[in-house]
Amino acid sequence: MQVSKVSSDLSDPGAAGWSGVTAESVALAPMPIDAQPTEYVRTKWSALSYGNVAEAKVAAAHDGATAWVRLEWADSDQPNTEFPDCAAVYFPAGGDAPAATIGSEAATVNLWFWRSDEESGRHLTGNGPGVFRPQDGAVSAAASLDGGRWAVVLAHPVAELRDGGRLGVAVWDGSNEERAGIGAATTEWVSLSIDS
């Protein structure tokens, strides 16, 4: 995936500058049930459908200091109840972290995380499905829901994107009670080519 260098602020998912940044469709699949961190979750969800979002469009850009990643996907037509819609992009933080499980106990990833019921993003580490911890550094987030499609922009200093060199995507459908390790994620890393 090409990460374009731009001169304008792309914090808004509707910013005109996004029209000049190429978006790619990225396939998503349910996070593996056998990798879930507790027996309760593995048992409860083994016969239930989850990971309902099968595809997201992803675009990325930077201005030399800040990186922006824009995600877009079709929202469920069912209303959310207890759980919000969520999304994240994540990057390997060293080691051979698996993309499909958002890291592992032995290999950490850095996450830029968004929840539809919060005004800002979260900066987290991931060590497997639902095993997320806060870390230093703010992540900015902005979102819009239009015509049944979410568009979300996550922003953070470009260094983390450069260091990771690859990107994963995860989406949680709140109307299906998806949360923690129950959601959809990329099964393989998306390689990044970052304009200098």
C-alpha atoms as a PDB file:
ATOM      1  CA  MET A   1       0.000   0.000   0.000  1.00  0.00           C
ATOM      2  CA  GLN A   2       1.289   3.438  -0.947  1.00  0.00           C
ATOM      3  CA  VAL A   3       1.497   5.985   1.882  1.00  0.00           C
ATOM      4  CA  SER A   4       1.368   9.315   0.065  1.00  0.00           C
ATOM      5  CA  LYS A   5       3.207  12.431   1.236  1.00  0.00           C
ATOM      6  CA  VAL A   6       0.816  15.372   1.374  1.00  0.00           C
ATOM      7  CA  SER A   7       0.936  19.015   2.409  1.00  0.00           C
ATOM      8  CA  SER A   8      -2.579  19.343   3.827  1.00  0.00           C
ATOM      9  CA  ASP A   9      -4.159  18.171   7.073  1.00  0.00           C
ATOM     10  CA  LEU A  10      -6.190  14.984   6.514  1.00  0.00           C
ATOM     11  CA  SER A  11      -7.615  14.613  10.031  1.00  0.00           C
ATOM     12  CA  ASP A  12     -11.192  14.877   8.729  1.00  0.00           C
ATOM     13  CA  PRO A  13     -12.478  11.765   6.903  1.00  0.00           C
ATOM     14  CA  GLY A  14     -14.241  14.109   4.463  1.00  0.00           C
ATOM     15  CA  ALA A  15     -11.162  16.261   3.743  1.00  0.00           C
ATOM     16  CA  ALA A  16     -10.783  17.073   0.052  1.00  0.00           C
ATOM     17  CA  GLY A  17      -7.163  15.886   0.118  1.00  0.00           C
ATOM     18  CA  TRP A  18      -8.271  12.259   0.499  1.00  0.00           C
ATOM     19  CA  SER A  19      -9.447  12.321  -3.134  1.00  0.00           C
ATOM     20  CA  GLY A  20      -5.787  12.319  -4.201  1.00  0.00           C
ATOM     21  CA  VAL A  21      -4.794   9.365  -1.996  1.00  0.00           C
ATOM     22  CA  THR A  22      -5.278   5.852  -3.362  1.00  0.00           C
ATOM     23  CA  ALA A  23      -7.431   3.572  -1.212  1.00  0.00           C
ATOM     24  CA  GLU A  24      -7.089  -0.207  -1.251  1.00  0.00           C
ATOM     25  CA  SER A  25      -9.708  -2.813  -0.376  1.00  0.00           C
ATOM     26  CA  VAL A  26      -8.457  -5.042   2.431  1.00  0.00           C
ATOM     27  CA  ALA A  27     -10.126  -8.372   3.223  1.00  0.00           C
ATOM     28  CA  LEU A  28     -11.042  -9.114   6.837  1.00  0.00           C
ATOM     29  CA  ALA A  29     -11.878 -12.429   8.519  1.00  0.00           C
ATOM     30  CA  PRO A  30     -13.067 -13.455  11.997  1.00  0.00           C
ATOM     31  CA  MET A  31     -10.231 -13.552  14.530  1.00  0.00           C
ATOM     32  CA  PRO A  32      -9.487 -17.264  15.132  1.00  0.00           C
ATOM     33  CA  ILE A  33     -11.690 -18.798  17.819  1.00  0.00           C
ATOM     34  CA  ASP A  34      -8.893 -21.083  19.050  1.00  0.00           C
ATOM     35  CA  ALA A  35      -6.692 -18.019  19.732  1.00  0.00           C
ATOM     36  CA  GLN A  36      -9.216 -16.365  22.047  1.00  0.00           C
ATOM     37  CA  PRO A  37      -7.718 -15.728  25.492  1.00  0.00           C
ATOM     38  CA  THR A  38     -10.331 -17.496  27.661  1.00  0.00           C
ATOM     39  CA  GLU A  39     -12.212 -20.769  27.587  1.00  0.00           C
ATOM     40  CA  TYR A  40     -15.449 -18.873  28.235  1.00  0.00           C
ATOM     41  CA  VAL A  41     -15.081 -16.801  25.043  1.00  0.00           C
ATOM     42  CA  ARG A  42     -14.029 -19.833  22.980  1.00  0.00           C
ATOM     43  CA  THR A  43     -17.053 -21.808  24.182  1.00  0.00           C
ATOM     44  CA  LYS A  44     -19.631 -19.002  23.953  1.00  0.00           C
ATOM     45  CA  TRP A  45     -18.673 -17.881  20.444  1.00  0.00           C
ATOM     46  CA  SER A  46     -17.733 -21.224  18.873  1.00  0.00           C
ATOM     47  CA  ALA A  47     -21.181 -21.660  17.286  1.00  0.00           C
ATOM     48  CA  LEU A  48     -21.985 -17.957  16.772  1.00  0.00           C
ATOM     49  CA  SER A  49     -21.306 -15.792  13.747  1.00  0.00           C
ATOM     50  CA  TYR A  50     -18.868 -12.925  14.290  1.00  0.00           C
ATOM     51  CA  GLY A  51     -16.324 -10.918  12.340  1.00  0.00           C
ATOM     52  CA  ASN A  52     -19.184  -9.731  10.156  1.00  0.00           C
ATOM     53  CA  VAL A  53     -17.272  -6.945   8.384  1.00  0.00           C
ATOM     54  CA  ALA A  54     -15.554  -8.718   5.487  1.00  0.00           C
ATOM     55  CA  GLU A  55     -13.827  -5.766   3.845  1.00  0.00           C
ATOM     56  CA  ALA A  56     -12.532  -2.274   4.561  1.00  0.00           C
ATOM     57  CA  LYS A  57     -11.146   0.372   2.243  1.00  0.00           C
ATOM     58  CA  VAL A  58      -7.853   1.730   3.577  1.00  0.00           C
ATOM     59  CA  ALA A  59      -5.883   4.831   2.582  1.00  0.00           C
ATOM     60  CA  ALA A  60      -2.805   6.293   4.276  1.00  0.00           C
ATOM     61  CA  ALA A  61      -0.858   9.537   4.019  1.00  0.00           C
ATOM     62  CA  HIS A  62       1.673  11.606   5.964  1.00  0.00           C
ATOM     63  CA  ASP A  63       3.178  15.096   5.966  1.00  0.00           C
ATOM     64  CA  GLY A  64       6.578  14.114   7.373  1.00  0.00           C
ATOM     65  CA  ALA A  65       5.443  14.448  10.982  1.00  0.00           C
ATOM     66  CA  THR A  66       1.896  13.065  11.257  1.00  0.00           C
ATOM     67  CA  ALA A  67       0.480   9.964   9.620  1.00  0.00           C
ATOM     68  CA  TRP A  68      -3.219   9.559   8.858  1.00  0.00           C
ATOM     69  CA  VAL A  69      -4.937   6.264   8.097  1.00  0.00           C
ATOM     70  CA  ARG A  70      -8.486   6.394   6.733  1.00  0.00           C
ATOM     71  CA  LEU A  71     -10.759   3.348   7.058  1.00  0.00           C
ATOM     72  CA  GLU A  72     -14.149   2.962   5.406  1.00  0.00           C
ATOM     73  CA  TRP A  73     -16.599   0.070   5.679  1.00  0.00           C
ATOM     74  CA  ALA A  74     -20.313  -0.747   5.474  1.00  0.00           C
ATOM     75  CA  ASP A  75     -22.065  -0.512   8.831  1.00  0.00           C
ATOM     76  CA  SER A  76     -24.640  -3.079   9.877  1.00  0.00           C
ATOM     77  CA  ASP A  77     -28.250  -1.975   9.416  1.00  0.00           C
ATOM     78  CA  GLN A  78     -29.005  -3.314  12.897  1.00  0.00           C
ATOM     79  CA  PRO A  79     -28.832  -0.817  15.775  1.00  0.00           C
ATOM     80  CA  ASN A  80     -26.104  -1.100  18.387  1.00  0.00           C
ATOM     81  CA  THR A  81     -27.192  -1.866  21.914  1.00  0.00           C
ATOM     82  CA  GLU A  82     -24.567  -2.357  24.633  1.00  0.00           C
ATOM     83  CA  PHE A  83     -21.437  -2.354  22.474  1.00  0.00           C
ATOM     84  CA  PRO A  84     -20.090   0.393  20.161  1.00  0.00           C
ATOM     85  CA  ASP A  85     -18.669  -0.036  16.691  1.00  0.00           C
ATOM     86  CA  CYS A  86     -14.859   0.007  16.820  1.00  0.00           C
ATOM     87  CA  ALA A  87     -11.903  -0.089  14.450  1.00  0.00           C
ATOM     88  CA  ALA A  88      -8.122  -0.154  14.640  1.00  0.00           C
ATOM     89  CA  VAL A  89      -5.006  -0.124  12.561  1.00  0.00           C
ATOM     90  CA  TYR A  90      -1.958  -1.841  13.991  1.00  0.00           C
ATOM     91  CA  PHE A  91       1.719  -2.300  13.239  1.00  0.00           C
ATOM     92  CA  PRO A  92       4.296  -4.902  14.334  1.00  0.00           C
ATOM     93  CA  ALA A  93       6.447  -3.576  17.174  1.00  0.00           C
ATOM     94  CA  GLY A  94       9.276  -6.045  16.675  1.00  0.00           C
ATOM     95  CA  GLY A  95       9.360  -9.788  16.336  1.00  0.00           C
ATOM     96  CA  ASP A  96       7.185 -11.842  14.048  1.00  0.00           C
ATOM     97  CA  ALA A  97       3.777 -10.676  15.263  1.00  0.00           C
ATOM     98  CA  PRO A  98       0.832 -12.443  13.596  1.00  0.00           C
ATOM     99  CA  ALA A  99      -1.642 -10.085  11.885  1.00  0.00           C
ATOM    100  CA  ALA A 100      -4.729 -12.319  12.228  1.00  0.00           C
ATOM    101  CA  THR A 101      -4.606 -12.304  16.039  1.00  0.00           C
ATOM    102  CA  ILE A 102      -3.395  -8.698  16.525  1.00  0.00           C
ATOM    103  CA  GLY A 103      -0.082  -9.867  17.927  1.00  0.00           C
ATOM    104  CA  SER A 104       0.715 -12.686  20.316  1.00  0.00           C
ATOM    105  CA  GLU A 105       2.058 -13.187  23.811  1.00  0.00           C
ATOM    106  CA  ALA A 106       5.574 -13.209  22.378  1.00  0.00           C
ATOM    107  CA  ALA A 107       5.174 -10.513  19.709  1.00  0.00           C
ATOM    108  CA  THR A 108       3.593  -7.119  20.388  1.00  0.00           C
ATOM    109  CA  VAL A 109       1.808  -4.785  17.989  1.00  0.00           C
ATOM    110  CA  ASN A 110       1.061  -1.059  18.311  1.00  0.00           C
ATOM    111  CA  LEU A 111      -2.620  -0.176  17.852  1.00  0.00           C
ATOM    112  CA  TRP A 112      -4.378   3.050  16.921  1.00  0.00           C
ATOM    113  CA  PHE A 113      -7.888   2.322  18.187  1.00  0.00           C
ATOM    114  CA  TRP A 114     -11.250   4.077  17.710  1.00  0.00           C
ATOM    115  CA  ARG A 115     -14.630   3.585  19.428  1.00  0.00           C
ATOM    116  CA  SER A 116     -17.819   5.170  18.103  1.00  0.00           C
ATOM    117  CA  ASP A 117     -18.813   6.286  21.611  1.00  0.00           C
ATOM    118  CA  GLU A 118     -15.582   8.190  22.340  1.00  0.00           C
ATOM    119  CA  GLU A 119     -14.341  11.507  20.951  1.00  0.00           C
ATOM    120  CA  SER A 120     -10.645  10.610  20.763  1.00  0.00           C
ATOM    121  CA  GLY A 121      -8.651   7.555  19.785  1.00  0.00           C
ATOM    122  CA  ARG A 122      -6.557   5.306  21.990  1.00  0.00           C
ATOM    123  CA  HIS A 123      -2.924   4.261  21.688  1.00  0.00           C
ATOM    124  CA  LEU A 124      -2.607   0.615  22.733  1.00  0.00           C
ATOM    125  CA  THR A 125      -0.352  -2.398  22.552  1.00  0.00           C
ATOM    126  CA  GLY A 126      -1.739  -5.752  21.476  1.00  0.00           C
ATOM    127  CA  ASN A 127      -0.565  -9.233  22.429  1.00  0.00           C
ATOM    128  CA  GLY A 128      -3.345 -11.326  20.926  1.00  0.00           C
ATOM    129  CA  PRO A 129      -7.135 -11.133  20.523  1.00  0.00           C
ATOM    130  CA  GLY A 130      -8.517  -8.776  23.144  1.00  0.00           C
ATOM    131  CA  VAL A 131      -5.207  -8.534  25.038  1.00  0.00           C
ATOM    132  CA  PHE A 132      -4.804  -4.768  24.723  1.00  0.00           C
ATOM    133  CA  ARG A 133      -3.031  -2.353  27.067  1.00  0.00           C
ATOM    134  CA  PRO A 134      -2.749   1.456  27.028  1.00  0.00           C
ATOM    135  CA  GLN A 135       0.551   3.026  26.074  1.00  0.00           C
ATOM    136  CA  ASP A 136       1.970   6.542  25.944  1.00  0.00           C
ATOM    137  CA  GLY A 137       1.193   8.872  23.071  1.00  0.00           C
ATOM    138  CA  ALA A 138      -2.109  10.271  21.902  1.00  0.00           C
ATOM    139  CA  VAL A 139      -3.994   9.001  18.870  1.00  0.00           C
ATOM    140  CA  SER A 140      -6.391  11.446  17.242  1.00  0.00           C
ATOM    141  CA  ALA A 141      -9.585  10.096  15.707  1.00  0.00           C
ATOM    142  CA  ALA A 142     -12.429  11.542  13.657  1.00  0.00           C
ATOM    143  CA  ALA A 143     -15.358   9.654  12.182  1.00  0.00           C
ATOM    144  CA  SER A 144     -18.493  10.084  10.103  1.00  0.00           C
ATOM    145  CA  LEU A 145     -21.390   7.760   9.344  1.00  0.00           C
ATOM    146  CA  ASP A 146     -22.995   8.565   6.014  1.00  0.00           C
ATOM    147  CA  GLY A 147     -25.220   6.425   3.826  1.00  0.00           C
ATOM    148  CA  GLY A 148     -24.658   3.387   6.016  1.00  0.00           C
ATOM    149  CA  ARG A 149     -20.849   3.592   5.763  1.00  0.00           C
ATOM    150  CA  TRP A 150     -18.356   4.497   8.465  1.00  0.00           C
ATOM    151  CA  ALA A 151     -15.340   6.617   7.538  1.00  0.00           C
ATOM    152  CA  VAL A 152     -12.721   6.906  10.288  1.00  0.00           C
ATOM    153  CA  VAL A 153      -9.361   8.687  10.308  1.00  0.00           C
ATOM    154  CA  LEU A 154      -6.738   7.772  12.905  1.00  0.00           C
ATOM    155  CA  ALA A 155      -3.687  10.026  13.306  1.00  0.00           C
ATOM    156  CA  HIS A 156      -0.394   9.624  15.172  1.00  0.00           C
ATOM    157  CA  PRO A 157       3.263  10.565  14.582  1.00  0.00           C
ATOM    158  CA  VAL A 158       4.534   8.960  11.384  1.00  0.00           C
ATOM    159  CA  ALA A 159       7.505   7.271  13.127  1.00  0.00           C
ATOM    160  CA  GLU A 160       5.382   4.359  14.386  1.00  0.00           C
ATOM    161  CA  LEU A 161       4.026   3.679  10.911  1.00  0.00           C
ATOM    162  CA  ARG A 162       7.545   3.845   9.430  1.00  0.00           C
ATOM    163  CA  ASP A 163       9.000   1.561  12.103  1.00  0.00           C
ATOM    164  CA  GLY A 164       6.289  -1.067  11.627  1.00  0.00           C
ATOM    165  CA  GLY A 165       6.518  -1.038   7.825  1.00  0.00           C
ATOM    166  CA  ARG A 166       3.347  -3.133   7.637  1.00  0.00           C
ATOM    167  CA  LEU A 167      -0.253  -2.529   8.601  1.00  0.00           C
ATOM    168  CA  GLY A 168      -3.175  -4.597   9.879  1.00  0.00           C
ATOM    169  CA  VAL A 169      -6.838  -3.591  10.174  1.00  0.00           C
ATOM    170  CA  ALA A 170      -9.542  -4.702  12.596  1.00  0.00           C
ATOM    171  CA  VAL A 171     -13.254  -3.829  12.792  1.00  0.00           C
ATOM    172  CA  TRP A 172     -15.790  -4.709  15.487  1.00  0.00           C
ATOM    173  CA  ASP A 173     -19.547  -4.674  14.709  1.00  0.00           C
ATOM    174  CA  GLY A 174     -21.206  -3.428  17.888  1.00  0.00           C
ATOM    175  CA  SER A 175     -24.678  -4.492  16.754  1.00  0.00           C
ATOM    176  CA  ASN A 176     -23.400  -8.104  16.799  1.00  0.00           C
ATOM    177  CA  GLU A 177     -21.952  -7.619  20.314  1.00  0.00           C
ATOM    178  CA  GLU A 178     -18.413  -7.825  18.951  1.00  0.00           C
ATOM    179  CA  ARG A 179     -15.641  -6.634  21.271  1.00  0.00           C
ATOM    180  CA  ALA A 180     -12.137  -7.558  22.503  1.00  0.00           C
ATOM    181  CA  GLY A 181     -11.036 -10.632  20.499  1.00  0.00           C
ATOM    182  CA  ILE A 182     -14.411 -11.113  18.821  1.00  0.00           C
ATOM    183  CA  GLY A 183     -14.212  -9.119  15.600  1.00  0.00           C
ATOM    184  CA  ALA A 184     -12.752  -9.116  12.089  1.00  0.00           C
ATOM    185  CA  ALA A 185      -9.086  -8.568  11.221  1.00  0.00           C
ATOM    186  CA  THR A 186      -6.680  -8.871   8.325  1.00  0.00           C
ATOM    187  CA  THR A 187      -5.220 -12.359   8.032  1.00  0.00           C
ATOM    188  CA  GLU A 188      -1.953 -11.097   6.505  1.00  0.00           C
ATOM    189  CA  TRP A 189       0.055  -7.914   6.933  1.00  0.00           C
ATOM    190  CA  VAL A 190      -0.321  -5.191   4.293  1.00  0.00           C
ATOM    191  CA  SER A 191       3.150  -3.953   3.268  1.00  0.00           C
ATOM    192  CA  LEU A 192       3.632  -0.185   3.237  1.00  0.00           C
ATOM    193  CA  SER A 193       5.590   1.880   0.729  1.00  0.00           C
ATOM    194  CA  ILE A 194       6.062   5.298   2.348  1.00  0.00           C
ATOM    195  CA  ASP A 195       6.748   8.328   0.150  1.00  0.00           C
ATOM    196  CA  SER A 196       9.679  10.410   1.397  1.00  0.00           C
END
